[in-house]
Amino acid sequence: MLAVAVWSSGRRTWPSRPPPDLALRLRPGDPLSLFPMAPVTGHSTGLEWPITGLHFAPDGFIGTSNRVSAPDVRLTFDSPGMIVILPRARLKAAVTALRALPARPRAPGHDAPPAHAK
């Protein structure tokens, strides 16, 4: 599982696990790539080549080189393990989407930022 956490002012701002449903506001024509770190299936809207029904795996099918076809992109996965790769110019859109997710309970020992993040 790929864990994601970002710290700001000593507080966690992103979830500790990848979201099951990610809504992104992007520009049509933007590249969007997917790379599985574990076996995973999903559903998409707003992509030129939908991923619904595809079975991704790091040693099998990977979904690199897709393209945004609509401003609202939604990605849903059945389990953690997918990396979403966006152009650097869309970092703000990715941060906005992750911050909009509902808060999740914090696991014990995850209330303080790592020493290097202070």
PDB file of N, CA and C in Angstrom:
ATOM      1  N   MET A   1       0.837  -1.180   0.000  1.00  0.00           N
ATOM      2  CA  MET A   1       0.000   0.000   0.000  1.00  0.00           C
ATOM      3  C   MET A   1       0.879   1.240   0.000  1.00  0.00           C
ATOM      4  N   LEU A   2       0.528   2.213  -0.770  1.00  0.00           N
ATOM      5  CA  LEU A   2       1.236   3.475  -0.803  1.00  0.00           C
ATOM      6  C   LEU A   2       0.564   4.421   0.176  1.00  0.00           C
ATOM      7  N   ALA A   3       1.300   4.923   1.140  1.00  0.00           N
ATOM      8  CA  ALA A   3       0.748   5.862   2.112  1.00  0.00           C
ATOM      9  C   ALA A   3       1.152   7.279   1.737  1.00  0.00           C
ATOM     10  N   VAL A   4       0.224   8.188   1.880  1.00  0.00           N
ATOM     11  CA  VAL A   4       0.473   9.589   1.563  1.00  0.00           C
ATOM     12  C   VAL A   4       0.142  10.423   2.789  1.00  0.00           C
ATOM     13  N   ALA A   5       1.047  11.282   3.189  1.00  0.00           N
ATOM     14  CA  ALA A   5       0.778  12.215   4.280  1.00  0.00           C
ATOM     15  C   ALA A   5       1.583  13.478   4.035  1.00  0.00           C
ATOM     16  N   VAL A   6       0.944  14.606   4.183  1.00  0.00           N
ATOM     17  CA  VAL A   6       1.612  15.896   4.044  1.00  0.00           C
ATOM     18  C   VAL A   6       1.367  16.667   5.326  1.00  0.00           C
ATOM     19  N   TRP A   7       2.411  17.305   5.834  1.00  0.00           N
ATOM     20  CA  TRP A   7       2.319  18.042   7.086  1.00  0.00           C
ATOM     21  C   TRP A   7       2.448  19.523   6.801  1.00  0.00           C
ATOM     22  N   SER A   8       1.624  20.317   7.463  1.00  0.00           N
ATOM     23  CA  SER A   8       1.685  21.764   7.337  1.00  0.00           C
ATOM     24  C   SER A   8       1.471  22.357   8.722  1.00  0.00           C
ATOM     25  N   SER A   9       2.391  23.177   9.162  1.00  0.00           N
ATOM     26  CA  SER A   9       2.306  23.808  10.482  1.00  0.00           C
ATOM     27  C   SER A   9       2.116  22.770  11.585  1.00  0.00           C
ATOM     28  N   GLY A  10       2.792  21.643  11.460  1.00  0.00           N
ATOM     29  CA  GLY A  10       2.735  20.611  12.491  1.00  0.00           C
ATOM     30  C   GLY A  10       1.465  19.789  12.513  1.00  0.00           C
ATOM     31  N   ARG A  11       0.597  19.949  11.526  1.00  0.00           N
ATOM     32  CA  ARG A  11      -0.654  19.187  11.496  1.00  0.00           C
ATOM     33  C   ARG A  11      -0.775  18.438  10.187  1.00  0.00           C
ATOM     34  N   ARG A  12      -1.343  17.258  10.264  1.00  0.00           N
ATOM     35  CA  ARG A  12      -1.561  16.461   9.056  1.00  0.00           C
ATOM     36  C   ARG A  12      -2.616  17.132   8.197  1.00  0.00           C
ATOM     37  N   THR A  13      -2.314  17.284   6.899  1.00  0.00           N
ATOM     38  CA  THR A  13      -3.274  17.914   6.003  1.00  0.00           C
ATOM     39  C   THR A  13      -3.822  16.945   4.974  1.00  0.00           C
ATOM     40  N   TRP A  14      -3.209  15.795   4.804  1.00  0.00           N
ATOM     41  CA  TRP A  14      -3.688  14.814   3.839  1.00  0.00           C
ATOM     42  C   TRP A  14      -3.936  13.505   4.559  1.00  0.00           C
ATOM     43  N   PRO A  15      -4.770  12.647   3.966  1.00  0.00           N
ATOM     44  CA  PRO A  15      -5.042  11.352   4.600  1.00  0.00           C
ATOM     45  C   PRO A  15      -3.811  10.462   4.604  1.00  0.00           C
ATOM     46  N   SER A  16      -3.810   9.501   5.518  1.00  0.00           N
ATOM     47  CA  SER A  16      -2.678   8.578   5.596  1.00  0.00           C
ATOM     48  C   SER A  16      -2.809   7.431   4.610  1.00  0.00           C
ATOM     49  N   ARG A  17      -3.957   7.290   4.014  1.00  0.00           N
ATOM     50  CA  ARG A  17      -4.168   6.248   3.011  1.00  0.00           C
ATOM     51  C   ARG A  17      -4.691   6.890   1.736  1.00  0.00           C
ATOM     52  N   PRO A  18      -4.470   6.264   0.584  1.00  0.00           N
ATOM     53  CA  PRO A  18      -5.009   6.822  -0.651  1.00  0.00           C
ATOM     54  C   PRO A  18      -6.528   6.860  -0.603  1.00  0.00           C
ATOM     55  N   PRO A  19      -7.138   7.869  -1.198  1.00  0.00           N
ATOM     56  CA  PRO A  19      -8.598   7.943  -1.180  1.00  0.00           C
ATOM     57  C   PRO A  19      -9.213   6.892  -2.084  1.00  0.00           C
ATOM     58  N   PRO A  20     -10.391   6.338  -1.702  1.00  0.00           N
ATOM     59  CA  PRO A  20     -11.058   5.378  -2.572  1.00  0.00           C
ATOM     60  C   PRO A  20     -11.728   6.068  -3.763  1.00  0.00           C
ATOM     61  N   ASP A  21     -12.004   7.374  -3.623  1.00  0.00           N
ATOM     62  CA  ASP A  21     -12.699   8.124  -4.658  1.00  0.00           C
ATOM     63  C   ASP A  21     -12.036   9.498  -4.753  1.00  0.00           C
ATOM     64  N   LEU A  22     -11.494   9.814  -5.907  1.00  0.00           N
ATOM     65  CA  LEU A  22     -10.766  11.067  -6.080  1.00  0.00           C
ATOM     66  C   LEU A  22     -11.430  11.887  -7.177  1.00  0.00           C
ATOM     67  N   ALA A  23     -11.829  13.111  -6.853  1.00  0.00           N
ATOM     68  CA  ALA A  23     -12.449  14.025  -7.816  1.00  0.00           C
ATOM     69  C   ALA A  23     -11.461  15.152  -8.093  1.00  0.00           C
ATOM     70  N   LEU A  24     -11.052  15.262  -9.341  1.00  0.00           N
ATOM     71  CA  LEU A  24     -10.061  16.259  -9.750  1.00  0.00           C
ATOM     72  C   LEU A  24     -10.661  17.220 -10.759  1.00  0.00           C
ATOM     73  N   ARG A  25     -10.306  18.478 -10.647  1.00  0.00           N
ATOM     74  CA  ARG A  25     -10.705  19.490 -11.639  1.00  0.00           C
ATOM     75  C   ARG A  25      -9.460  19.758 -12.486  1.00  0.00           C
ATOM     76  N   LEU A  26      -9.486  19.279 -13.745  1.00  0.00           N
ATOM     77  CA  LEU A  26      -8.324  19.367 -14.625  1.00  0.00           C
ATOM     78  C   LEU A  26      -8.717  20.017 -15.945  1.00  0.00           C
ATOM     79  N   ARG A  27      -7.770  20.126 -16.840  1.00  0.00           N
ATOM     80  CA  ARG A  27      -8.040  20.701 -18.158  1.00  0.00           C
ATOM     81  C   ARG A  27      -8.094  19.595 -19.210  1.00  0.00           C
ATOM     82  N   PRO A  28      -9.118  19.594 -20.054  1.00  0.00           N
ATOM     83  CA  PRO A  28      -9.144  18.619 -21.150  1.00  0.00           C
ATOM     84  C   PRO A  28      -7.844  18.710 -21.957  1.00  0.00           C
ATOM     85  N   GLY A  29      -7.320  17.552 -22.281  1.00  0.00           N
ATOM     86  CA  GLY A  29      -6.049  17.464 -22.996  1.00  0.00           C
ATOM     87  C   GLY A  29      -4.865  17.210 -22.095  1.00  0.00           C
ATOM     88  N   ASP A  30      -5.023  17.455 -20.768  1.00  0.00           N
ATOM     89  CA  ASP A  30      -3.935  17.167 -19.830  1.00  0.00           C
ATOM     90  C   ASP A  30      -3.613  15.675 -19.850  1.00  0.00           C
ATOM     91  N   PRO A  31      -2.335  15.309 -19.764  1.00  0.00           N
ATOM     92  CA  PRO A  31      -2.015  13.895 -19.581  1.00  0.00           C
ATOM     93  C   PRO A  31      -2.338  13.471 -18.147  1.00  0.00           C
ATOM     94  N   LEU A  32      -2.759  12.243 -17.979  1.00  0.00           N
ATOM     95  CA  LEU A  32      -3.005  11.647 -16.674  1.00  0.00           C
ATOM     96  C   LEU A  32      -2.605  10.189 -16.794  1.00  0.00           C
ATOM     97  N   SER A  33      -1.673   9.789 -15.973  1.00  0.00           N
ATOM     98  CA  SER A  33      -1.204   8.410 -16.030  1.00  0.00           C
ATOM     99  C   SER A  33      -1.505   7.704 -14.725  1.00  0.00           C
ATOM    100  N   LEU A  34      -1.678   6.407 -14.812  1.00  0.00           N
ATOM    101  CA  LEU A  34      -1.936   5.566 -13.643  1.00  0.00           C
ATOM    102  C   LEU A  34      -0.865   4.493 -13.590  1.00  0.00           C
ATOM    103  N   PHE A  35      -0.361   4.240 -12.387  1.00  0.00           N
ATOM    104  CA  PHE A  35       0.612   3.169 -12.224  1.00  0.00           C
ATOM    105  C   PHE A  35       0.250   2.384 -10.975  1.00  0.00           C
ATOM    106  N   PRO A  36      -0.080   1.098 -11.130  1.00  0.00           N
ATOM    107  CA  PRO A  36      -0.470   0.279  -9.978  1.00  0.00           C
ATOM    108  C   PRO A  36       0.737  -0.214  -9.191  1.00  0.00           C
ATOM    109  N   MET A  37       0.643  -0.103  -7.875  1.00  0.00           N
ATOM    110  CA  MET A  37       1.657  -0.656  -6.978  1.00  0.00           C
ATOM    111  C   MET A  37       1.173  -1.982  -6.384  1.00  0.00           C
ATOM    112  N   ALA A  38      -0.058  -2.359  -6.706  1.00  0.00           N
ATOM    113  CA  ALA A  38      -0.676  -3.609  -6.246  1.00  0.00           C
ATOM    114  C   ALA A  38      -1.799  -3.917  -7.229  1.00  0.00           C
ATOM    115  N   PRO A  39      -2.316  -5.141  -7.228  1.00  0.00           N
ATOM    116  CA  PRO A  39      -3.469  -5.430  -8.077  1.00  0.00           C
ATOM    117  C   PRO A  39      -4.646  -4.534  -7.668  1.00  0.00           C
ATOM    118  N   VAL A  40      -5.267  -3.884  -8.634  1.00  0.00           N
ATOM    119  CA  VAL A  40      -6.364  -2.963  -8.347  1.00  0.00           C
ATOM    120  C   VAL A  40      -7.238  -2.816  -9.595  1.00  0.00           C
ATOM    121  N   THR A  41      -8.528  -2.626  -9.377  1.00  0.00           N
ATOM    122  CA  THR A  41      -9.446  -2.302 -10.461  1.00  0.00           C
ATOM    123  C   THR A  41     -10.110  -0.979 -10.105  1.00  0.00           C
ATOM    124  N   GLY A  42     -10.697  -0.325 -11.093  1.00  0.00           N
ATOM    125  CA  GLY A  42     -11.301   0.958 -10.802  1.00  0.00           C
ATOM    126  C   GLY A  42     -12.323   1.373 -11.835  1.00  0.00           C
ATOM    127  N   HIS A  43     -12.790   2.590 -11.649  1.00  0.00           N
ATOM    128  CA  HIS A  43     -13.773   3.204 -12.534  1.00  0.00           C
ATOM    129  C   HIS A  43     -13.345   4.654 -12.738  1.00  0.00           C
ATOM    130  N   SER A  44     -13.600   5.186 -13.915  1.00  0.00           N
ATOM    131  CA  SER A  44     -13.229   6.573 -14.186  1.00  0.00           C
ATOM    132  C   SER A  44     -14.306   7.278 -14.981  1.00  0.00           C
ATOM    133  N   THR A  45     -14.363   8.588 -14.816  1.00  0.00           N
ATOM    134  CA  THR A  45     -15.107   9.468 -15.709  1.00  0.00           C
ATOM    135  C   THR A  45     -14.176  10.620 -16.031  1.00  0.00           C
ATOM    136  N   GLY A  46     -14.321  11.182 -17.225  1.00  0.00           N
ATOM    137  CA  GLY A  46     -13.512  12.314 -17.621  1.00  0.00           C
ATOM    138  C   GLY A  46     -12.173  11.966 -18.240  1.00  0.00           C
ATOM    139  N   LEU A  47     -11.958  10.687 -18.558  1.00  0.00           N
ATOM    140  CA  LEU A  47     -10.722  10.276 -19.223  1.00  0.00           C
ATOM    141  C   LEU A  47     -11.033   9.844 -20.660  1.00  0.00           C
ATOM    142  N   GLU A  48     -10.105  10.073 -21.543  1.00  0.00           N
ATOM    143  CA  GLU A  48     -10.295   9.671 -22.936  1.00  0.00           C
ATOM    144  C   GLU A  48     -10.447   8.157 -23.056  1.00  0.00           C
ATOM    145  N   TRP A  49      -9.660   7.413 -22.280  1.00  0.00           N
ATOM    146  CA  TRP A  49      -9.744   5.952 -22.285  1.00  0.00           C
ATOM    147  C   TRP A  49     -10.169   5.495 -20.892  1.00  0.00           C
ATOM    148  N   PRO A  50     -11.473   5.216 -20.693  1.00  0.00           N
ATOM    149  CA  PRO A  50     -11.975   4.820 -19.374  1.00  0.00           C
ATOM    150  C   PRO A  50     -11.269   3.569 -18.848  1.00  0.00           C
ATOM    151  N   ILE A  51     -11.186   3.469 -17.530  1.00  0.00           N
ATOM    152  CA  ILE A  51     -10.495   2.325 -16.914  1.00  0.00           C
ATOM    153  C   ILE A  51     -11.465   1.279 -16.372  1.00  0.00           C
ATOM    154  N   THR A  52     -12.761   1.535 -16.461  1.00  0.00           N
ATOM    155  CA  THR A  52     -13.751   0.600 -15.934  1.00  0.00           C
ATOM    156  C   THR A  52     -13.563  -0.787 -16.549  1.00  0.00           C
ATOM    157  N   GLY A  53     -13.495  -1.797 -15.692  1.00  0.00           N
ATOM    158  CA  GLY A  53     -13.357  -3.175 -16.147  1.00  0.00           C
ATOM    159  C   GLY A  53     -11.924  -3.631 -16.365  1.00  0.00           C
ATOM    160  N   LEU A  54     -10.967  -2.727 -16.214  1.00  0.00           N
ATOM    161  CA  LEU A  54      -9.561  -3.116 -16.400  1.00  0.00           C
ATOM    162  C   LEU A  54      -8.979  -3.609 -15.084  1.00  0.00           C
ATOM    163  N   HIS A  55      -8.104  -4.578 -15.169  1.00  0.00           N
ATOM    164  CA  HIS A  55      -7.432  -5.138 -14.000  1.00  0.00           C
ATOM    165  C   HIS A  55      -5.964  -4.736 -14.068  1.00  0.00           C
ATOM    166  N   PHE A  56      -5.579  -3.812 -13.192  1.00  0.00           N
ATOM    167  CA  PHE A  56      -4.213  -3.299 -13.162  1.00  0.00           C
ATOM    168  C   PHE A  56      -3.359  -4.122 -12.205  1.00  0.00           C
ATOM    169  N   ALA A  57      -2.080  -4.227 -12.515  1.00  0.00           N
ATOM    170  CA  ALA A  57      -1.111  -4.897 -11.639  1.00  0.00           C
ATOM    171  C   ALA A  57       0.284  -4.424 -12.024  1.00  0.00           C
ATOM    172  N   PRO A  58       1.194  -4.302 -11.046  1.00  0.00           N
ATOM    173  CA  PRO A  58       2.539  -3.820 -11.372  1.00  0.00           C
ATOM    174  C   PRO A  58       3.286  -4.732 -12.334  1.00  0.00           C
ATOM    175  N   ASP A  59       2.970  -6.014 -12.310  1.00  0.00           N
ATOM    176  CA  ASP A  59       3.654  -6.948 -13.201  1.00  0.00           C
ATOM    177  C   ASP A  59       2.772  -7.341 -14.392  1.00  0.00           C
ATOM    178  N   GLY A  60       1.733  -6.554 -14.616  1.00  0.00           N
ATOM    179  CA  GLY A  60       0.804  -6.837 -15.711  1.00  0.00           C
ATOM    180  C   GLY A  60       0.403  -5.557 -16.406  1.00  0.00           C
ATOM    181  N   PHE A  61      -0.883  -5.282 -16.426  1.00  0.00           N
ATOM    182  CA  PHE A  61      -1.405  -4.112 -17.119  1.00  0.00           C
ATOM    183  C   PHE A  61      -1.202  -2.860 -16.277  1.00  0.00           C
ATOM    184  N   ILE A  62      -0.563  -1.854 -16.857  1.00  0.00           N
ATOM    185  CA  ILE A  62      -0.447  -0.543 -16.220  1.00  0.00           C
ATOM    186  C   ILE A  62      -1.139   0.463 -17.123  1.00  0.00           C
ATOM    187  N   GLY A  63      -1.612   1.559 -16.549  1.00  0.00           N
ATOM    188  CA  GLY A  63      -2.421   2.498 -17.317  1.00  0.00           C
ATOM    189  C   GLY A  63      -1.733   3.818 -17.588  1.00  0.00           C
ATOM    190  N   THR A  64      -0.524   3.786 -18.060  1.00  0.00           N
ATOM    191  CA  THR A  64       0.145   5.042 -18.358  1.00  0.00           C
ATOM    192  C   THR A  64      -0.423   5.652 -19.632  1.00  0.00           C
ATOM    193  N   SER A  65      -0.206   6.943 -19.788  1.00  0.00           N
ATOM    194  CA  SER A  65      -0.541   7.677 -21.018  1.00  0.00           C
ATOM    195  C   SER A  65      -2.027   7.757 -21.325  1.00  0.00           C
ATOM    196  N   ASN A  66      -2.817   8.153 -20.337  1.00  0.00           N
ATOM    197  CA  ASN A  66      -4.210   8.480 -20.592  1.00  0.00           C
ATOM    198  C   ASN A  66      -4.293   9.990 -20.776  1.00  0.00           C
ATOM    199  N   ARG A  67      -5.495  10.481 -21.086  1.00  0.00           N
ATOM    200  CA  ARG A  67      -5.648  11.916 -21.318  1.00  0.00           C
ATOM    201  C   ARG A  67      -6.999  12.363 -20.772  1.00  0.00           C
ATOM    202  N   VAL A  68      -7.015  13.549 -20.173  1.00  0.00           N
ATOM    203  CA  VAL A  68      -8.240  14.125 -19.629  1.00  0.00           C
ATOM    204  C   VAL A  68      -9.147  14.553 -20.782  1.00  0.00           C
ATOM    205  N   SER A  69     -10.430  14.158 -20.712  1.00  0.00           N
ATOM    206  CA  SER A  69     -11.379  14.512 -21.768  1.00  0.00           C
ATOM    207  C   SER A  69     -12.460  15.477 -21.285  1.00  0.00           C
ATOM    208  N   ALA A  70     -12.553  15.705 -19.989  1.00  0.00           N
ATOM    209  CA  ALA A  70     -13.554  16.604 -19.421  1.00  0.00           C
ATOM    210  C   ALA A  70     -12.955  17.290 -18.197  1.00  0.00           C
ATOM    211  N   PRO A  71     -13.418  18.470 -17.836  1.00  0.00           N
ATOM    212  CA  PRO A  71     -12.827  19.190 -16.704  1.00  0.00           C
ATOM    213  C   PRO A  71     -12.954  18.460 -15.366  1.00  0.00           C
ATOM    214  N   ASP A  72     -14.027  17.699 -15.189  1.00  0.00           N
ATOM    215  CA  ASP A  72     -14.220  16.964 -13.937  1.00  0.00           C
ATOM    216  C   ASP A  72     -13.836  15.511 -14.144  1.00  0.00           C
ATOM    217  N   VAL A  73     -12.781  15.092 -13.462  1.00  0.00           N
ATOM    218  CA  VAL A  73     -12.292  13.712 -13.548  1.00  0.00           C
ATOM    219  C   VAL A  73     -12.558  13.042 -12.209  1.00  0.00           C
ATOM    220  N   ARG A  74     -13.139  11.860 -12.254  1.00  0.00           N
ATOM    221  CA  ARG A  74     -13.388  11.093 -11.030  1.00  0.00           C
ATOM    222  C   ARG A  74     -12.757   9.715 -11.203  1.00  0.00           C
ATOM    223  N   LEU A  75     -11.964   9.340 -10.211  1.00  0.00           N
ATOM    224  CA  LEU A  75     -11.309   8.025 -10.190  1.00  0.00           C
ATOM    225  C   LEU A  75     -11.724   7.305  -8.921  1.00  0.00           C
ATOM    226  N   THR A  76     -12.180   6.077  -9.067  1.00  0.00           N
ATOM    227  CA  THR A  76     -12.573   5.250  -7.932  1.00  0.00           C
ATOM    228  C   THR A  76     -11.855   3.915  -8.063  1.00  0.00           C
ATOM    229  N   PHE A  77     -11.271   3.443  -6.964  1.00  0.00           N
ATOM    230  CA  PHE A  77     -10.544   2.178  -6.981  1.00  0.00           C
ATOM    231  C   PHE A  77     -11.084   1.251  -5.911  1.00  0.00           C
ATOM    232  N   ASP A  78     -10.987  -0.059  -6.167  1.00  0.00           N
ATOM    233  CA  ASP A  78     -11.522  -1.040  -5.223  1.00  0.00           C
ATOM    234  C   ASP A  78     -10.611  -1.272  -4.030  1.00  0.00           C
ATOM    235  N   SER A  79      -9.355  -0.835  -4.118  1.00  0.00           N
ATOM    236  CA  SER A  79      -8.414  -1.005  -3.010  1.00  0.00           C
ATOM    237  C   SER A  79      -7.262  -0.018  -3.194  1.00  0.00           C
ATOM    238  N   PRO A  80      -6.478   0.204  -2.153  1.00  0.00           N
ATOM    239  CA  PRO A  80      -5.315   1.087  -2.289  1.00  0.00           C
ATOM    240  C   PRO A  80      -4.289   0.470  -3.236  1.00  0.00           C
ATOM    241  N   GLY A  81      -3.436   1.311  -3.781  1.00  0.00           N
ATOM    242  CA  GLY A  81      -2.346   0.778  -4.576  1.00  0.00           C
ATOM    243  C   GLY A  81      -2.139   1.457  -5.918  1.00  0.00           C
ATOM    244  N   MET A  82      -2.921   2.480  -6.245  1.00  0.00           N
ATOM    245  CA  MET A  82      -2.762   3.140  -7.536  1.00  0.00           C
ATOM    246  C   MET A  82      -2.095   4.502  -7.353  1.00  0.00           C
ATOM    247  N   ILE A  83      -1.076   4.761  -8.147  1.00  0.00           N
ATOM    248  CA  ILE A  83      -0.450   6.073  -8.195  1.00  0.00           C
ATOM    249  C   ILE A  83      -1.060   6.825  -9.374  1.00  0.00           C
ATOM    250  N   VAL A  84      -1.509   8.050  -9.119  1.00  0.00           N
ATOM    251  CA  VAL A  84      -2.030   8.921 -10.169  1.00  0.00           C
ATOM    252  C   VAL A  84      -0.935   9.935 -10.484  1.00  0.00           C
ATOM    253  N   ILE A  85      -0.559  10.012 -11.745  1.00  0.00           N
ATOM    254  CA  ILE A  85       0.532  10.888 -12.170  1.00  0.00           C
ATOM    255  C   ILE A  85      -0.053  12.019 -13.014  1.00  0.00           C
ATOM    256  N   LEU A  86       0.182  13.252 -12.555  1.00  0.00           N
ATOM    257  CA  LEU A  86      -0.335  14.441 -13.228  1.00  0.00           C
ATOM    258  C   LEU A  86       0.816  15.362 -13.600  1.00  0.00           C
ATOM    259  N   PRO A  87       0.588  16.277 -14.540  1.00  0.00           N
ATOM    260  CA  PRO A  87       1.621  17.266 -14.837  1.00  0.00           C
ATOM    261  C   PRO A  87       1.873  18.158 -13.616  1.00  0.00           C
ATOM    262  N   ARG A  88       3.075  18.634 -13.486  1.00  0.00           N
ATOM    263  CA  ARG A  88       3.439  19.504 -12.364  1.00  0.00           C
ATOM    264  C   ARG A  88       2.507  20.714 -12.270  1.00  0.00           C
ATOM    265  N   ALA A  89       2.060  21.212 -13.401  1.00  0.00           N
ATOM    266  CA  ALA A  89       1.162  22.373 -13.430  1.00  0.00           C
ATOM    267  C   ALA A  89      -0.180  22.080 -12.763  1.00  0.00           C
ATOM    268  N   ARG A  90      -0.505  20.827 -12.500  1.00  0.00           N
ATOM    269  CA  ARG A  90      -1.782  20.450 -11.875  1.00  0.00           C
ATOM    270  C   ARG A  90      -1.615  20.059 -10.406  1.00  0.00           C
ATOM    271  N   LEU A  91      -0.475  20.376  -9.812  1.00  0.00           N
ATOM    272  CA  LEU A  91      -0.250  20.061  -8.395  1.00  0.00           C
ATOM    273  C   LEU A  91      -1.330  20.693  -7.516  1.00  0.00           C
ATOM    274  N   LYS A  92      -1.675  21.942  -7.782  1.00  0.00           N
ATOM    275  CA  LYS A  92      -2.690  22.614  -6.977  1.00  0.00           C
ATOM    276  C   LYS A  92      -4.033  21.880  -7.059  1.00  0.00           C
ATOM    277  N   ALA A  93      -4.402  21.397  -8.237  1.00  0.00           N
ATOM    278  CA  ALA A  93      -5.651  20.646  -8.390  1.00  0.00           C
ATOM    279  C   ALA A  93      -5.607  19.354  -7.567  1.00  0.00           C
ATOM    280  N   ALA A  94      -4.454  18.693  -7.532  1.00  0.00           N
ATOM    281  CA  ALA A  94      -4.316  17.457  -6.753  1.00  0.00           C
ATOM    282  C   ALA A  94      -4.430  17.749  -5.258  1.00  0.00           C
ATOM    283  N   VAL A  95      -3.767  18.805  -4.793  1.00  0.00           N
ATOM    284  CA  VAL A  95      -3.830  19.179  -3.372  1.00  0.00           C
ATOM    285  C   VAL A  95      -5.264  19.549  -2.998  1.00  0.00           C
ATOM    286  N   THR A  96      -5.932  20.312  -3.833  1.00  0.00           N
ATOM    287  CA  THR A  96      -7.314  20.708  -3.572  1.00  0.00           C
ATOM    288  C   THR A  96      -8.217  19.479  -3.454  1.00  0.00           C
ATOM    289  N   ALA A  97      -8.042  18.511  -4.352  1.00  0.00           N
ATOM    290  CA  ALA A  97      -8.864  17.296  -4.321  1.00  0.00           C
ATOM    291  C   ALA A  97      -8.611  16.485  -3.053  1.00  0.00           C
ATOM    292  N   LEU A  98      -7.363  16.367  -2.656  1.00  0.00           N
ATOM    293  CA  LEU A  98      -7.046  15.596  -1.455  1.00  0.00           C
ATOM    294  C   LEU A  98      -7.532  16.294  -0.186  1.00  0.00           C
ATOM    295  N   ARG A  99      -7.434  17.598  -0.146  1.00  0.00           N
ATOM    296  CA  ARG A  99      -7.905  18.334   1.036  1.00  0.00           C
ATOM    297  C   ARG A  99      -9.423  18.305   1.165  1.00  0.00           C
ATOM    298  N   ALA A 100     -10.129  18.096   0.070  1.00  0.00           N
ATOM    299  CA  ALA A 100     -11.588  18.059   0.096  1.00  0.00           C
ATOM    300  C   ALA A 100     -12.130  16.732   0.623  1.00  0.00           C
ATOM    301  N   LEU A 101     -11.270  15.746   0.791  1.00  0.00           N
ATOM    302  CA  LEU A 101     -11.716  14.436   1.270  1.00  0.00           C
ATOM    303  C   LEU A 101     -12.142  14.524   2.728  1.00  0.00           C
ATOM    304  N   PRO A 102     -13.114  13.706   3.136  1.00  0.00           N
ATOM    305  CA  PRO A 102     -13.510  13.699   4.545  1.00  0.00           C
ATOM    306  C   PRO A 102     -12.361  13.213   5.419  1.00  0.00           C
ATOM    307  N   ALA A 103     -12.311  13.732   6.633  1.00  0.00           N
ATOM    308  CA  ALA A 103     -11.258  13.335   7.575  1.00  0.00           C
ATOM    309  C   ALA A 103     -11.415  11.868   7.926  1.00  0.00           C
ATOM    310  N   ARG A 104     -10.291  11.203   8.119  1.00  0.00           N
ATOM    311  CA  ARG A 104     -10.283   9.801   8.539  1.00  0.00           C
ATOM    312  C   ARG A 104      -9.697   9.725   9.939  1.00  0.00           C
ATOM    313  N   PRO A 105     -10.100   8.738  10.710  1.00  0.00           N
ATOM    314  CA  PRO A 105      -9.502   8.591  12.042  1.00  0.00           C
ATOM    315  C   PRO A 105      -7.993   8.383  11.917  1.00  0.00           C
ATOM    316  N   ARG A 106      -7.260   8.993  12.815  1.00  0.00           N
ATOM    317  CA  ARG A 106      -5.802   8.848  12.807  1.00  0.00           C
ATOM    318  C   ARG A 106      -5.409   7.569  13.520  1.00  0.00           C
ATOM    319  N   ALA A 107      -4.432   6.892  12.953  1.00  0.00           N
ATOM    320  CA  ALA A 107      -3.904   5.683  13.573  1.00  0.00           C
ATOM    321  C   ALA A 107      -3.023   6.082  14.745  1.00  0.00           C
ATOM    322  N   PRO A 108      -2.929   5.249  15.773  1.00  0.00           N
ATOM    323  CA  PRO A 108      -2.051   5.562  16.901  1.00  0.00           C
ATOM    324  C   PRO A 108      -0.627   5.809  16.418  1.00  0.00           C
ATOM    325  N   GLY A 109       0.009   6.825  16.990  1.00  0.00           N
ATOM    326  CA  GLY A 109       1.391   7.130  16.630  1.00  0.00           C
ATOM    327  C   GLY A 109       1.527   8.002  15.404  1.00  0.00           C
ATOM    328  N   HIS A 110       0.403   8.428  14.824  1.00  0.00           N
ATOM    329  CA  HIS A 110       0.455   9.247  13.610  1.00  0.00           C
ATOM    330  C   HIS A 110      -0.046  10.664  13.866  1.00  0.00           C
ATOM    331  N   ASP A 111       0.048  11.141  15.102  1.00  0.00           N
ATOM    332  CA  ASP A 111      -0.452  12.466  15.436  1.00  0.00           C
ATOM    333  C   ASP A 111       0.610  13.547  15.308  1.00  0.00           C
ATOM    334  N   ALA A 112       1.848  13.178  15.186  1.00  0.00           N
ATOM    335  CA  ALA A 112       2.918  14.162  15.081  1.00  0.00           C
ATOM    336  C   ALA A 112       3.642  13.992  13.773  1.00  0.00           C
ATOM    337  N   PRO A 113       4.140  15.089  13.190  1.00  0.00           N
ATOM    338  CA  PRO A 113       4.867  14.974  11.936  1.00  0.00           C
ATOM    339  C   PRO A 113       6.202  14.284  12.146  1.00  0.00           C
ATOM    340  N   PRO A 114       6.750  13.684  11.097  1.00  0.00           N
ATOM    341  CA  PRO A 114       8.078  13.104  11.204  1.00  0.00           C
ATOM    342  C   PRO A 114       9.085  14.193  11.569  1.00  0.00           C
ATOM    343  N   ALA A 115      10.174  13.824  12.193  1.00  0.00           N
ATOM    344  CA  ALA A 115      11.177  14.787  12.656  1.00  0.00           C
ATOM    345  C   ALA A 115      11.656  15.686  11.543  1.00  0.00           C
ATOM    346  N   HIS A 116      11.826  15.146  10.337  1.00  0.00           N
ATOM    347  CA  HIS A 116      12.333  15.952   9.234  1.00  0.00           C
ATOM    348  C   HIS A 116      11.303  16.939   8.697  1.00  0.00           C
ATOM    349  N   ALA A 117      10.020  16.829   9.105  1.00  0.00           N
ATOM    350  CA  ALA A 117       8.983  17.716   8.595  1.00  0.00           C
ATOM    351  C   ALA A 117       8.793  18.947   9.479  1.00  0.00           C
ATOM    352  N   LYS A 118       9.483  19.013  10.603  1.00  0.00           N
ATOM    353  CA  LYS A 118       9.315  20.151  11.519  1.00  0.00           C
ATOM    354  C   LYS A 118      10.068  21.360  11.040  1.00  0.00           C
TER     355      LYS A 118
END
